[in-house]
Amino acid sequence: MKKRRLSLMLALLITSSLFAAGCKKNTTDTTENNTITNNLNETGLPIVNEKITLKIVSPKAPLAPNYNEMTLFKNLEETTNVHIEWNNIPE
């Protein structure tokens, strides 16, 4: 009975510690969010004021061109200010 009560109290302590850590305000996250928000255009193009880069992994058919070389994505990058570094993996 004592072991059971001790285990329950320990579980409650760990759970409450996790909740407290999750609710703590992190100033680094706030700074990053403000930077992202300041760079974002809510309407229209470009999507962001300063160019950003996204890294995306995507399957590609053997005969399809490398996505980094496709004119469509190059045009979208110029229009949106969002550069995508494609990592093409076999289908």
Protein backbone atom coordinates (compact mmCIF):
# COMPACT_ATOMS: atom_id res chain seq x y z
CA MET A 1 0.00 0.00 0.00
CA LYS A 2 2.83 2.38 0.87
CA LYS A 3 4.60 1.65 -2.43
CA ARG A 4 1.42 2.30 -4.34
CA ARG A 5 0.85 5.64 -2.62
CA LEU A 6 4.49 6.63 -3.17
CA SER A 7 4.24 5.70 -6.86
CA LEU A 8 1.06 7.74 -7.25
CA MET A 9 2.60 10.77 -5.55
CA LEU A 10 5.71 10.48 -7.71
CA ALA A 11 3.61 10.26 -10.88
CA LEU A 12 1.63 13.34 -9.80
CA LEU A 13 4.83 15.25 -9.10
CA ILE A 14 6.31 14.37 -12.50
CA THR A 15 3.08 15.27 -14.31
CA SER A 16 2.75 18.62 -12.55
CA SER A 17 6.42 19.40 -13.31
CA LEU A 18 5.85 18.68 -16.99
CA PHE A 19 2.80 20.96 -17.08
CA ALA A 20 4.70 23.74 -15.33
CA ALA A 21 7.61 23.43 -17.78
CA GLY A 22 5.23 23.48 -20.74
CA CYS A 23 3.51 26.65 -19.55
CA LYS A 24 6.72 28.58 -18.94
CA LYS A 25 7.12 31.54 -21.27
CA ASN A 26 10.26 31.28 -23.36
CA THR A 27 11.62 34.68 -24.43
CA THR A 28 13.65 33.12 -27.26
CA ASP A 29 10.47 31.71 -28.83
CA THR A 30 8.77 35.09 -28.47
CA THR A 31 11.67 36.86 -30.20
CA GLU A 32 11.64 34.32 -33.05
CA ASN A 33 7.86 34.68 -33.44
CA ASN A 34 8.15 38.49 -33.57
CA THR A 35 10.88 38.22 -36.22
CA ILE A 36 8.74 35.88 -38.33
CA THR A 37 5.65 38.05 -37.91
CA ASN A 38 7.53 41.21 -38.90
CA ASN A 39 8.81 39.50 -42.07
CA LEU A 40 5.38 38.18 -43.09
CA ASN A 41 3.03 39.99 -45.48
CA GLU A 42 -0.53 39.16 -44.47
CA THR A 43 -1.89 39.79 -47.97
CA GLY A 44 -0.49 39.81 -51.46
CA LEU A 45 2.91 38.91 -52.79
CA PRO A 46 5.68 38.45 -51.87
CA ILE A 47 4.71 36.29 -48.92
CA VAL A 48 7.74 37.48 -46.91
CA ASN A 49 9.77 40.69 -47.12
CA GLU A 50 13.18 39.06 -46.66
CA LYS A 51 13.98 35.84 -48.48
CA ILE A 52 13.62 32.64 -46.43
CA THR A 53 14.66 29.07 -47.20
CA LEU A 54 12.64 25.91 -46.56
CA LYS A 55 14.14 22.43 -46.81
CA ILE A 56 11.73 19.84 -48.16
CA VAL A 57 12.19 16.12 -48.80
CA SER A 58 10.03 14.79 -51.59
CA PRO A 59 9.85 11.59 -53.64
CA LYS A 60 10.55 11.99 -57.34
CA ALA A 61 9.81 9.72 -60.29
CA PRO A 62 12.96 8.48 -62.04
CA LEU A 63 12.24 10.40 -65.27
CA ALA A 64 11.06 13.62 -63.60
CA PRO A 65 13.49 16.55 -63.47
CA ASN A 66 15.16 17.60 -60.24
CA TYR A 67 12.72 19.98 -58.50
CA ASN A 68 15.54 22.50 -57.83
CA GLU A 69 15.93 22.92 -61.61
CA MET A 70 12.24 23.29 -62.53
CA THR A 71 11.19 26.66 -63.99
CA LEU A 72 7.89 26.56 -62.10
CA PHE A 73 9.61 26.54 -58.70
CA LYS A 74 12.16 29.17 -59.78
CA ASN A 75 9.32 31.51 -60.83
CA LEU A 76 7.44 30.90 -57.58
CA GLU A 77 10.60 31.64 -55.60
CA GLU A 78 11.00 35.02 -57.32
CA THR A 79 7.35 35.88 -56.73
CA THR A 80 7.08 34.77 -53.10
CA ASN A 81 10.63 35.31 -51.70
CA VAL A 82 10.52 31.71 -50.44
CA HIS A 83 13.41 29.52 -51.59
CA ILE A 84 12.93 25.76 -51.33
CA GLU A 85 15.90 23.43 -51.12
CA TRP A 86 14.48 20.19 -52.51
CA ASN A 87 15.94 16.88 -51.40
CA ASN A 88 14.62 14.52 -54.05
CA ILE A 89 14.53 10.89 -52.96
CA PRO A 90 13.67 7.91 -55.16
CA GLU A 91 9.98 7.09 -55.46
